[in-house]
Amino acid sequence: VAMAHRRRARRRAIERVFDDAIAAAPTPAAQVAAMSELLRRAARLRDPAADRYAGEHWRAHLDASAKQALFDGDAGALLLEGAFRRDVDADAVTALRTRARQRYLEWMR
């Protein structure tokens, strides 16, 4: 019982790190930047070179060994470029957040 409780508490703490970082970002572009940073931090736990991946190599790494591709198409493009755009669609960021959170939690297990 104690082990299960510790696992749940750790998972909630990891979820809070992600959610709080996104909530603290003042704009949709800043939210994308926060997601990107969180994903890179989590990716480094699995592959120390992951923080050096860029462009399509980074996008491919995000979906490598995943049950489903989360970052192909528009979601991946938004993650790669959204932090640098002047205008970022808030609804697209919300959709990206769901995908980024899922991958972040998978990698932080």
Protein backbone atom coordinates (compact mmCIF):
# COMPACT_ATOMS: atom_id res chain seq x y z
CA VAL A 1 0.00 0.00 0.00
CA ALA A 2 2.81 2.41 0.88
CA MET A 3 4.52 1.76 -2.48
CA ALA A 4 1.35 2.49 -4.42
CA HIS A 5 0.81 5.65 -2.41
CA ARG A 6 4.37 6.84 -3.15
CA ARG A 7 3.91 6.14 -6.88
CA ARG A 8 0.65 8.11 -6.96
CA ALA A 9 2.21 10.98 -5.02
CA ARG A 10 5.20 11.05 -7.39
CA ARG A 11 2.94 11.04 -10.42
CA ARG A 12 0.87 13.90 -9.00
CA ALA A 13 4.06 15.85 -8.31
CA ILE A 14 5.27 15.31 -11.89
CA GLU A 15 1.87 16.38 -13.23
CA ARG A 16 2.04 19.53 -11.08
CA VAL A 17 5.48 20.44 -12.45
CA PHE A 18 4.10 20.31 -15.99
CA ASP A 19 0.79 22.03 -15.23
CA ASP A 20 2.37 24.79 -13.12
CA ALA A 21 4.99 25.59 -15.76
CA ILE A 22 2.34 25.96 -18.44
CA ALA A 23 0.05 27.98 -16.17
CA ALA A 24 2.91 30.37 -15.39
CA ALA A 25 3.53 31.10 -19.09
CA PRO A 26 1.81 34.39 -19.94
CA THR A 27 1.17 33.87 -23.67
CA PRO A 28 0.40 30.96 -25.98
CA ALA A 29 3.91 31.25 -27.49
CA ALA A 30 5.42 31.16 -23.99
CA GLN A 31 3.32 28.09 -23.22
CA VAL A 32 4.77 26.34 -26.28
CA ALA A 33 8.28 27.30 -25.14
CA ALA A 34 7.57 25.89 -21.68
CA MET A 35 6.27 22.63 -23.17
CA SER A 36 9.35 22.34 -25.34
CA GLU A 37 11.66 22.87 -22.36
CA LEU A 38 9.79 20.34 -20.22
CA LEU A 39 9.90 17.74 -23.00
CA ARG A 40 13.61 18.29 -23.53
CA ARG A 41 14.28 17.91 -19.82
CA ALA A 42 12.30 14.66 -19.73
CA ALA A 43 13.93 13.41 -22.95
CA ARG A 44 17.40 13.88 -21.45
CA LEU A 45 16.52 11.33 -18.78
CA ARG A 46 16.21 8.73 -21.54
CA ASP A 47 18.83 10.05 -23.95
CA PRO A 48 21.47 12.53 -22.74
CA ALA A 49 21.94 13.81 -26.30
CA ALA A 50 18.26 14.67 -26.71
CA ASP A 51 18.74 18.33 -25.84
CA ARG A 52 20.88 18.73 -28.95
CA TYR A 53 18.29 17.38 -31.38
CA ALA A 54 16.67 19.95 -33.63
CA GLY A 55 14.00 20.16 -36.27
CA GLU A 56 12.81 16.90 -37.75
CA HIS A 57 15.32 14.90 -35.70
CA TRP A 58 13.76 16.27 -32.50
CA ARG A 59 10.24 15.66 -33.79
CA ALA A 60 11.13 12.07 -34.73
CA HIS A 61 12.66 11.55 -31.28
CA LEU A 62 9.44 12.76 -29.64
CA ASP A 63 7.52 9.99 -31.39
CA ALA A 64 10.21 7.29 -31.33
CA SER A 65 9.08 4.17 -29.48
CA ALA A 66 5.74 5.79 -28.70
CA LYS A 67 2.47 3.91 -28.81
CA GLN A 68 1.11 6.59 -31.12
CA ALA A 69 2.63 9.48 -33.04
CA LEU A 70 1.68 12.63 -31.17
CA PHE A 71 3.90 15.17 -32.89
CA ASP A 72 3.45 14.56 -36.58
CA GLY A 73 1.63 17.18 -38.63
CA ASP A 74 0.51 20.49 -37.18
CA ALA A 75 1.17 19.59 -33.53
CA GLY A 76 4.83 18.88 -34.23
CA ALA A 77 5.21 22.01 -36.33
CA LEU A 78 3.68 24.09 -33.54
CA LEU A 79 6.03 22.58 -30.97
CA LEU A 80 9.06 23.26 -33.20
CA GLU A 81 8.10 26.80 -34.24
CA GLY A 82 5.38 28.09 -31.94
CA ALA A 83 7.67 29.66 -29.37
CA PHE A 84 9.09 31.87 -32.13
CA ARG A 85 5.81 32.95 -33.70
CA ARG A 86 4.22 36.30 -32.95
CA ASP A 87 0.66 34.96 -33.10
CA VAL A 88 -0.07 31.46 -31.88
CA ASP A 89 -3.59 30.03 -31.89
CA ALA A 90 -4.64 29.37 -28.30
CA ASP A 91 -6.81 26.39 -29.30
CA ALA A 92 -3.89 24.78 -31.12
CA VAL A 93 -1.75 25.29 -28.02
CA THR A 94 -4.41 23.62 -25.88
CA ALA A 95 -4.39 20.61 -28.21
CA LEU A 96 -0.58 20.53 -28.17
CA ARG A 97 -0.60 20.74 -24.38
CA THR A 98 -2.57 17.48 -24.16
CA ARG A 99 -0.03 15.71 -26.39
CA ALA A 100 3.01 17.24 -24.71
CA ARG A 101 1.69 16.40 -21.25
CA GLN A 102 1.08 12.79 -22.27
CA ARG A 103 4.61 12.35 -23.62
CA TYR A 104 6.15 14.19 -20.64
CA LEU A 105 4.38 11.91 -18.17
CA GLU A 106 5.40 8.80 -20.16
CA TRP A 107 9.05 9.87 -20.11
CA MET A 108 9.04 10.89 -16.45
CA ARG A 109 7.75 7.50 -15.24
